[in-house]
Amino acid sequence: MTPPKTPTSTPPMQLSLNTGGDELSLRAHLTPPVTPIGKPSGHDSLDQLEGGADASIVKQTITKPLRFIDDLKICRDADDIPIEFGRGVLSIVYKATSAPPAPPIGADTPPTSPAFSSRVLAAKIPLRRDARAALQAEALTLTRLNRTPGHDDHVIKFFGVEAATEALVMAAVPLDLSTYVEDQADLRKKNFSTATMFEPVMGMDSFSDLARKLIGGLAWLHNEAGLVHGDVKPLNILLRPIASDDCAHADADTGAFPYYPLYADFSSALDIPSDQEDINSKITDMYAVTVPFTAPEILKSLISGNVALSPASDVFSLAATLIACATGDMLLYPGDRRRRQLMACDGHQILEFTRNGANGARVSRNGLVEKLVKPAVVKDPSQRISAQDWVAFAAA
């Protein structure tokens, strides 16, 4: 099948970026580690917002993030040290629990439900003063996403900002796509078989199902939520187990991917501007770059400090993510650091480069992985397949 060449109708968004001496050594605000998330609970504070659920209305009217009104408690280990889920340059993510706020003294209120008070959450807290603005912007983005129809199966569940700590509070789950894929790769090495050496490390059926889910999620972000993620990579995709009683998957093939892959960490996200909006207003001085998963046109523009972020750059990043999922190699490119950086700048050759790596046999020529990602990694961003067209292409 020849993939459609779909010009990107939306112009790229410019981002201001500070760079260090090395062309690819950034002093930009790097993305914090993935925020563990979990299956949504029925309790949240979405009803604090007014207005309908239409994405275009929400995009225009939301000016304040959700507020987390319950009592938040950071979990501690036996040595009274806060338990971390992960940390980065801007923020640290703690394991936390919550309970309804204590009633006023003398109030006639029933006791707190033990089941609710034990709910595990992820609390993303700024590490330094200049990180507050970034997390505030991410809170607004998460608020809008969680008001957009269809969000449950595509993005993390956001409960709001806790005022005392300025924490972004999300549901917690312990698994990200990077960890899952590396575990699958280790299993393949321990149980090597010539019968499966040309398949993705998680198996062909599971990989295909994961790819369809991820592509569908990206199309939702671009077309329903009107958002460019800006930092698509395995660490920013979290895996929520599909419940055994989930009717939508009751008759699913046993080879299907057993998780909902959810996009997380929107610290680099930008709204896709409408035709009426000035593209020059889409400026940010914060941008996360993970070289192997970053579109080559962005890597090549780092020195100028004006990065052309667009839906097409997300498409490339997801294609690179899918290649990593097939090979089990999170570095993607073979060789030392400098060589990998040079290869990443010629990312339109990513299939050839990864085929020369230790696990390149899993990206066989004219095989499933190549056919799926090839239209998403072409050199000219305007000629890359759109996420929406990619959905149909993957289904075929």
Protein backbone atom coordinates (compact mmCIF):
# COMPACT_ATOMS: atom_id res chain seq x y z
CA MET A 1 0.00 0.00 0.00
CA THR A 2 1.32 3.42 -0.92
CA PRO A 3 0.81 5.82 1.98
CA PRO A 4 -0.85 9.13 1.27
CA LYS A 5 1.37 12.16 1.26
CA THR A 6 -0.52 14.56 3.41
CA PRO A 7 0.88 18.09 3.57
CA THR A 8 0.69 19.53 7.03
CA SER A 9 -1.89 22.28 6.85
CA THR A 10 -0.88 23.76 10.19
CA PRO A 11 2.36 25.74 10.17
CA PRO A 12 5.04 24.81 12.70
CA MET A 13 5.15 26.57 16.04
CA GLN A 14 8.33 28.38 16.98
CA LEU A 15 9.93 27.76 20.36
CA SER A 16 12.70 29.76 21.96
CA LEU A 17 15.51 27.54 23.16
CA ASN A 18 18.77 28.10 24.98
CA THR A 19 21.61 25.80 23.97
CA GLY A 20 24.98 25.12 25.47
CA GLY A 21 28.34 24.79 23.77
CA ASP A 22 27.65 21.36 22.30
CA GLU A 23 25.17 21.67 19.46
CA LEU A 24 23.00 18.93 20.94
CA SER A 25 23.82 19.52 24.62
CA LEU A 26 20.84 21.53 25.77
CA ARG A 27 20.44 23.80 28.73
CA ALA A 28 16.73 23.83 28.04
CA HIS A 29 14.36 22.62 30.72
CA LEU A 30 14.44 18.86 30.31
CA THR A 31 11.42 16.70 30.82
CA PRO A 32 11.12 15.17 34.27
CA PRO A 33 10.79 11.39 34.52
CA VAL A 34 7.51 9.88 33.52
CA THR A 35 4.69 10.43 35.98
CA PRO A 36 3.23 7.05 36.95
CA ILE A 37 -0.50 7.03 36.44
CA GLY A 38 -3.34 4.66 36.90
CA LYS A 39 -6.85 3.68 36.00
CA PRO A 40 -9.15 6.61 36.64
CA SER A 41 -11.15 6.72 39.83
CA GLY A 42 -14.70 7.94 39.91
CA HIS A 43 -13.75 10.83 42.18
CA ASP A 44 -12.28 13.99 40.76
CA SER A 45 -13.02 17.68 40.67
CA LEU A 46 -13.94 18.12 37.03
CA ASP A 47 -17.29 19.52 38.10
CA GLN A 48 -15.46 22.59 39.33
CA LEU A 49 -15.28 23.75 35.71
CA GLU A 50 -18.12 25.43 33.95
CA GLY A 51 -19.04 25.04 30.31
CA GLY A 52 -19.63 22.10 28.00
CA ALA A 53 -17.27 19.31 27.03
CA ASP A 54 -16.75 20.48 23.46
CA ALA A 55 -12.99 20.65 22.89
CA SER A 56 -13.10 23.98 21.06
CA ILE A 57 -15.12 25.59 23.87
CA VAL A 58 -12.83 24.21 26.55
CA LYS A 59 -9.76 25.39 24.67
CA GLN A 60 -11.06 28.95 24.65
CA THR A 61 -12.54 29.23 28.13
CA ILE A 62 -10.30 27.37 30.58
CA THR A 63 -8.09 29.89 32.35
CA LYS A 64 -7.65 28.14 35.71
CA PRO A 65 -6.57 24.56 36.35
CA LEU A 66 -8.53 22.03 38.32
CA ARG A 67 -8.10 22.33 42.09
CA PHE A 68 -7.32 19.26 44.16
CA ILE A 69 -9.46 19.82 47.24
CA ASP A 70 -8.74 16.66 49.23
CA ASP A 71 -5.98 16.24 51.79
CA LEU A 72 -2.77 15.06 50.10
CA LYS A 73 -0.21 12.99 52.02
CA ILE A 74 3.22 12.14 50.62
CA CYS A 75 4.09 8.51 51.34
CA ARG A 76 7.28 7.77 53.27
CA ASP A 77 9.41 4.67 53.68
CA ALA A 78 10.56 3.00 56.92
CA ASP A 79 13.30 5.64 57.29
CA ASP A 80 10.76 8.46 56.93
CA ILE A 81 12.10 9.39 53.49
CA PRO A 82 9.50 10.46 50.87
CA ILE A 83 8.94 7.75 48.27
CA GLU A 84 9.76 8.93 44.75
CA PHE A 85 8.29 7.74 41.49
CA GLY A 86 10.86 9.77 39.56
CA ARG A 87 12.52 13.17 39.22
CA GLY A 88 13.91 15.54 36.62
CA VAL A 89 15.39 18.99 36.22
CA LEU A 90 12.09 20.75 36.90
CA SER A 91 10.12 18.48 39.16
CA ILE A 92 9.99 15.46 41.39
CA VAL A 93 7.17 12.94 41.44
CA TYR A 94 6.22 11.47 44.81
CA LYS A 95 3.98 8.60 45.74
CA ALA A 96 1.02 10.00 47.67
CA THR A 97 -2.37 9.15 49.10
CA SER A 98 -5.43 11.28 49.67
CA ALA A 99 -8.46 11.56 51.88
CA PRO A 100 -11.43 13.93 51.93
CA PRO A 101 -10.63 17.15 53.80
CA ALA A 102 -11.24 17.06 57.52
CA PRO A 103 -14.66 18.46 58.45
CA PRO A 104 -14.88 21.57 60.64
CA ILE A 105 -14.78 20.90 64.36
CA GLY A 106 -18.21 19.96 65.58
CA ALA A 107 -19.58 19.19 62.13
CA ASP A 108 -21.89 16.19 61.93
CA THR A 109 -20.09 14.30 59.14
CA PRO A 110 -19.83 10.53 58.51
CA PRO A 111 -16.34 8.97 58.81
CA THR A 112 -13.95 8.84 55.85
CA SER A 113 -14.20 5.77 53.63
CA PRO A 114 -11.08 3.58 54.22
CA ALA A 115 -11.06 2.49 50.55
CA PHE A 116 -10.93 6.07 49.34
CA SER A 117 -8.29 7.22 51.80
CA SER A 118 -5.89 4.49 50.63
CA ARG A 119 -5.99 5.55 46.97
CA VAL A 120 -2.48 5.85 45.53
CA LEU A 121 -1.66 9.00 43.60
CA ALA A 122 1.29 10.64 41.89
CA ALA A 123 2.17 14.15 43.07
CA LYS A 124 4.38 16.12 40.70
CA ILE A 125 6.01 18.94 42.67
CA PRO A 126 8.29 21.72 41.36
CA LEU A 127 11.92 21.34 42.40
CA ARG A 128 12.82 25.00 42.07
CA ARG A 129 11.17 28.38 41.79
CA ASP A 130 11.53 28.75 38.01
CA ALA A 131 9.74 25.43 37.52
CA ARG A 132 6.46 26.74 38.87
CA ALA A 133 5.44 28.49 35.65
CA ALA A 134 6.10 25.32 33.65
CA LEU A 135 3.97 23.18 35.94
CA GLN A 136 1.22 25.79 36.00
CA ALA A 137 1.12 25.71 32.20
CA GLU A 138 1.07 21.92 32.23
CA ALA A 139 -1.81 21.99 34.75
CA LEU A 140 -3.88 24.10 32.35
CA THR A 141 -3.11 21.69 29.52
CA LEU A 142 -4.05 18.67 31.62
CA THR A 143 -7.25 20.36 32.73
CA ARG A 144 -8.31 20.95 29.14
CA LEU A 145 -7.32 17.45 28.05
CA ASN A 146 -9.35 15.90 30.85
CA ARG A 147 -12.37 17.88 29.67
CA THR A 148 -12.04 16.70 26.08
CA PRO A 149 -14.27 13.75 25.09
CA GLY A 150 -12.31 10.52 24.71
CA HIS A 151 -9.50 11.42 27.10
CA ASP A 152 -9.86 8.33 29.33
CA ASP A 153 -8.10 5.98 26.92
CA HIS A 154 -5.45 8.38 25.66
CA VAL A 155 -3.99 10.63 28.41
CA ILE A 156 -3.22 10.52 32.09
CA LYS A 157 -5.94 11.17 34.63
CA PHE A 158 -5.50 14.57 36.25
CA PHE A 159 -7.14 15.42 39.57
CA GLY A 160 -5.94 18.98 39.93
CA VAL A 161 -3.39 21.24 41.63
CA GLU A 162 -2.94 20.96 45.38
CA ALA A 163 -2.59 24.49 46.70
CA ALA A 164 -0.21 23.95 49.63
CA THR A 165 2.51 22.13 47.67
CA GLU A 166 1.62 23.32 44.13
CA ALA A 167 1.63 19.62 43.20
CA LEU A 168 0.02 18.32 40.04
CA VAL A 169 -1.99 15.37 41.32
CA MET A 170 -2.57 12.40 39.05
CA ALA A 171 -3.61 8.79 39.45
CA ALA A 172 -0.67 6.42 39.83
CA VAL A 173 0.37 3.24 38.02
CA PRO A 174 3.89 1.77 38.19
CA LEU A 175 4.65 0.98 34.55
CA ASP A 176 5.91 3.03 31.59
CA LEU A 177 6.40 1.83 28.02
CA SER A 178 10.20 2.05 28.19
CA THR A 179 10.40 -0.30 31.16
CA TYR A 180 7.90 -2.71 29.62
CA VAL A 181 9.76 -2.90 26.31
CA GLU A 182 13.16 -3.39 27.96
CA ASP A 183 11.71 -6.18 30.10
CA GLN A 184 10.33 -7.84 26.97
CA ALA A 185 13.72 -7.52 25.27
CA ASP A 186 15.42 -9.17 28.25
CA LEU A 187 12.96 -12.06 28.09
CA ARG A 188 13.70 -12.52 24.39
CA LYS A 189 17.44 -12.66 25.09
CA LYS A 190 16.99 -15.26 27.81
CA ASN A 191 14.66 -17.33 25.63
CA PHE A 192 16.22 -16.76 22.24
CA SER A 193 14.55 -18.48 19.30
CA THR A 194 15.24 -18.25 15.59
CA ALA A 195 11.48 -18.49 15.08
CA THR A 196 10.93 -15.06 16.66
CA MET A 197 14.21 -13.25 15.95
CA PHE A 198 12.62 -11.22 13.15
CA GLU A 199 9.59 -10.15 15.21
CA PRO A 200 9.21 -7.18 17.57
CA VAL A 201 10.38 -8.10 21.07
CA MET A 202 6.81 -8.11 22.41
CA GLY A 203 5.50 -10.26 19.57
CA MET A 204 3.88 -9.31 16.30
CA ASP A 205 0.24 -9.22 17.41
CA SER A 206 0.97 -7.27 20.58
CA PHE A 207 3.14 -4.77 18.70
CA SER A 208 0.48 -4.22 16.05
CA ASP A 209 -2.19 -3.59 18.67
CA LEU A 210 0.07 -1.21 20.61
CA ALA A 211 0.89 0.70 17.42
CA ARG A 212 -2.79 1.15 16.56
CA LYS A 213 -3.54 2.40 20.07
CA LEU A 214 -0.64 4.84 20.11
CA ILE A 215 -1.40 6.20 16.66
CA GLY A 216 -5.06 6.57 17.61
CA GLY A 217 -4.05 8.45 20.75
CA LEU A 218 -1.82 10.84 18.80
CA ALA A 219 -4.59 11.48 16.29
CA TRP A 220 -6.89 12.28 19.21
CA LEU A 221 -4.36 14.74 20.63
CA HIS A 222 -3.94 16.53 17.30
CA ASN A 223 -7.49 16.51 16.02
CA GLU A 224 -9.76 16.38 19.06
CA ALA A 225 -7.65 18.15 21.68
CA GLY A 226 -5.86 20.46 19.23
CA LEU A 227 -2.49 19.87 20.87
CA VAL A 228 1.08 19.03 19.89
CA HIS A 229 2.64 16.89 22.62
CA GLY A 230 6.20 17.99 21.88
CA ASP A 231 8.03 15.16 23.67
CA VAL A 232 6.67 11.80 22.53
CA LYS A 233 8.94 8.97 23.71
CA PRO A 234 8.58 5.65 25.56
CA LEU A 235 9.21 7.22 28.98
CA ASN A 236 6.26 9.57 28.45
CA ILE A 237 3.82 6.78 27.61
CA LEU A 238 2.31 5.05 30.62
CA LEU A 239 0.58 1.69 30.67
CA ARG A 240 -2.74 1.25 32.43
CA PRO A 241 -3.79 -2.42 32.59
CA ILE A 242 -6.94 -3.33 30.75
CA ALA A 243 -9.36 -4.67 33.34
CA SER A 244 -10.49 -8.25 32.83
CA ASP A 245 -14.11 -7.09 33.00
CA ASP A 246 -13.65 -4.34 30.40
CA CYS A 247 -16.52 -4.97 28.01
CA ALA A 248 -14.76 -3.20 25.16
CA HIS A 249 -12.03 -5.83 25.28
CA ALA A 250 -13.94 -8.85 26.50
CA ASP A 251 -13.55 -10.63 23.16
CA ALA A 252 -10.10 -9.29 22.39
CA ASP A 253 -7.47 -11.55 20.87
CA THR A 254 -5.16 -13.01 23.49
CA GLY A 255 -2.25 -11.56 21.51
CA ALA A 256 -3.52 -8.00 21.93
CA PHE A 257 -1.49 -5.50 23.91
CA PRO A 258 -2.86 -5.78 27.47
CA TYR A 259 -2.62 -2.09 28.38
CA TYR A 260 -4.03 1.28 27.49
CA PRO A 261 -1.00 3.36 26.45
CA LEU A 262 -1.57 6.83 27.89
CA TYR A 263 0.33 9.96 26.90
CA ALA A 264 1.90 11.77 29.85
CA ASP A 265 4.15 14.73 30.65
CA PHE A 266 2.81 17.70 28.73
CA SER A 267 5.50 20.15 29.85
CA SER A 268 6.50 20.73 26.20
CA ALA A 269 2.98 20.78 24.76
CA LEU A 270 1.63 23.60 22.61
CA ASP A 271 -1.80 24.31 21.21
CA ILE A 272 -2.18 23.85 17.48
CA PRO A 273 -3.11 27.36 16.35
CA SER A 274 -6.28 27.97 14.41
CA ASP A 275 -6.26 29.86 11.14
CA GLN A 276 -7.21 32.99 13.06
CA GLU A 277 -4.34 32.78 15.55
CA ASP A 278 -0.95 34.38 15.10
CA ILE A 279 1.67 31.66 14.89
CA ASN A 280 4.24 34.03 16.41
CA SER A 281 2.28 34.00 19.65
CA LYS A 282 3.14 30.33 20.15
CA ILE A 283 6.43 30.93 21.93
CA THR A 284 7.92 29.09 24.88
CA ASP A 285 11.36 29.06 26.46
CA MET A 286 10.97 25.50 27.69
CA TYR A 287 11.48 22.51 25.47
CA ALA A 288 12.51 18.94 26.23
CA VAL A 289 14.81 17.15 23.83
CA THR A 290 15.53 13.44 23.93
CA VAL A 291 17.76 13.11 20.88
CA PRO A 292 16.82 9.64 19.54
CA PHE A 293 13.11 10.47 19.54
CA THR A 294 13.30 14.05 18.31
CA ALA A 295 12.46 14.92 14.71
CA PRO A 296 15.59 15.77 12.68
CA GLU A 297 14.34 19.18 11.58
CA ILE A 298 14.14 20.15 15.25
CA LEU A 299 17.62 18.85 16.05
CA LYS A 300 19.08 20.78 13.12
CA SER A 301 17.42 24.01 14.21
CA LEU A 302 18.64 23.96 17.82
CA ILE A 303 21.55 26.31 17.20
CA SER A 304 19.28 29.09 15.96
CA GLY A 305 17.14 28.75 19.06
CA ASN A 306 13.91 28.73 17.04
CA VAL A 307 12.52 25.23 16.90
CA ALA A 308 9.77 24.37 14.43
CA LEU A 309 7.44 22.24 16.53
CA SER A 310 4.46 20.84 14.63
CA PRO A 311 2.14 17.83 14.46
CA ALA A 312 4.61 16.34 11.96
CA SER A 313 7.36 16.37 14.59
CA ASP A 314 5.08 14.39 16.92
CA VAL A 315 4.46 11.89 14.13
CA PHE A 316 8.19 11.35 13.67
CA SER A 317 8.71 10.95 17.42
CA LEU A 318 5.99 8.31 17.62
CA ALA A 319 7.51 6.46 14.66
CA ALA A 320 10.87 6.42 16.46
CA THR A 321 9.08 5.19 19.58
CA LEU A 322 7.54 2.32 17.62
CA ILE A 323 10.95 1.34 16.25
CA ALA A 324 12.31 1.25 19.81
CA CYS A 325 9.33 -0.90 20.80
CA ALA A 326 10.20 -3.33 18.01
CA THR A 327 13.94 -3.58 18.70
CA GLY A 328 13.88 -3.18 22.48
CA ASP A 329 16.70 -0.64 22.18
CA MET A 330 15.93 2.75 23.76
CA LEU A 331 19.07 4.31 22.23
CA LEU A 332 17.79 3.44 18.73
CA TYR A 333 21.01 4.25 16.89
CA PRO A 334 24.23 2.17 17.14
CA GLY A 335 27.60 3.59 18.12
CA ASP A 336 28.88 6.12 20.62
CA ARG A 337 27.00 9.21 21.77
CA ARG A 338 28.39 11.56 19.12
CA ARG A 339 27.69 9.10 16.32
CA ARG A 340 24.14 8.57 17.54
CA GLN A 341 23.56 12.32 17.57
CA LEU A 342 24.78 12.67 13.99
CA MET A 343 22.51 9.82 12.90
CA ALA A 344 19.55 11.39 14.67
CA CYS A 345 20.07 14.58 12.65
CA ASP A 346 19.55 12.44 9.55
CA GLY A 347 16.54 10.79 11.12
CA HIS A 348 14.81 10.19 7.80
CA GLN A 349 17.29 7.28 7.50
CA ILE A 350 16.31 5.89 10.90
CA LEU A 351 15.18 2.55 9.49
CA GLU A 352 18.52 1.92 7.81
CA PHE A 353 20.46 3.08 10.85
CA THR A 354 18.57 0.88 13.30
CA ARG A 355 18.83 -2.10 10.95
CA ASN A 356 22.59 -1.85 11.40
CA GLY A 357 22.22 -2.16 15.17
CA ALA A 358 22.36 -5.30 17.28
CA ASN A 359 18.59 -5.82 17.08
CA GLY A 360 18.11 -4.59 13.53
CA ALA A 361 16.77 -7.95 12.38
CA ARG A 362 13.52 -7.08 14.16
CA VAL A 363 13.02 -4.23 11.66
CA SER A 364 13.27 -6.38 8.56
CA ARG A 365 13.20 -4.83 5.11
CA ASN A 366 9.62 -4.58 3.78
CA GLY A 367 8.37 -6.08 7.04
CA LEU A 368 5.50 -4.89 9.22
CA VAL A 369 7.53 -2.37 11.24
CA GLU A 370 9.09 -0.74 8.17
CA LYS A 371 5.79 -0.50 6.32
CA LEU A 372 4.12 1.03 9.36
CA VAL A 373 6.68 3.72 10.15
CA LYS A 374 8.12 4.56 6.73
CA PRO A 375 5.50 7.20 5.82
CA ALA A 376 6.02 8.85 9.23
CA VAL A 377 9.77 9.43 8.94
CA VAL A 378 10.17 11.04 5.52
CA LYS A 379 12.63 13.93 5.43
CA ASP A 380 10.17 16.69 4.50
CA PRO A 381 7.81 17.22 7.46
CA SER A 382 5.05 18.44 5.15
CA GLN A 383 5.12 15.10 3.35
CA ARG A 384 4.85 12.93 6.45
CA ILE A 385 1.62 11.10 6.93
CA SER A 386 -0.74 12.90 9.32
CA ALA A 387 -1.76 11.16 12.53
CA GLN A 388 -5.33 10.95 11.29
CA ASP A 389 -4.35 9.27 8.00
CA TRP A 390 -1.91 7.08 9.91
CA VAL A 391 -4.82 5.59 11.87
CA ALA A 392 -6.42 4.25 8.67
CA PHE A 393 -3.05 3.18 7.28
CA ALA A 394 -2.24 1.17 10.43
CA ALA A 395 -5.66 -0.45 10.43
CA ALA A 396 -5.11 -1.64 6.86
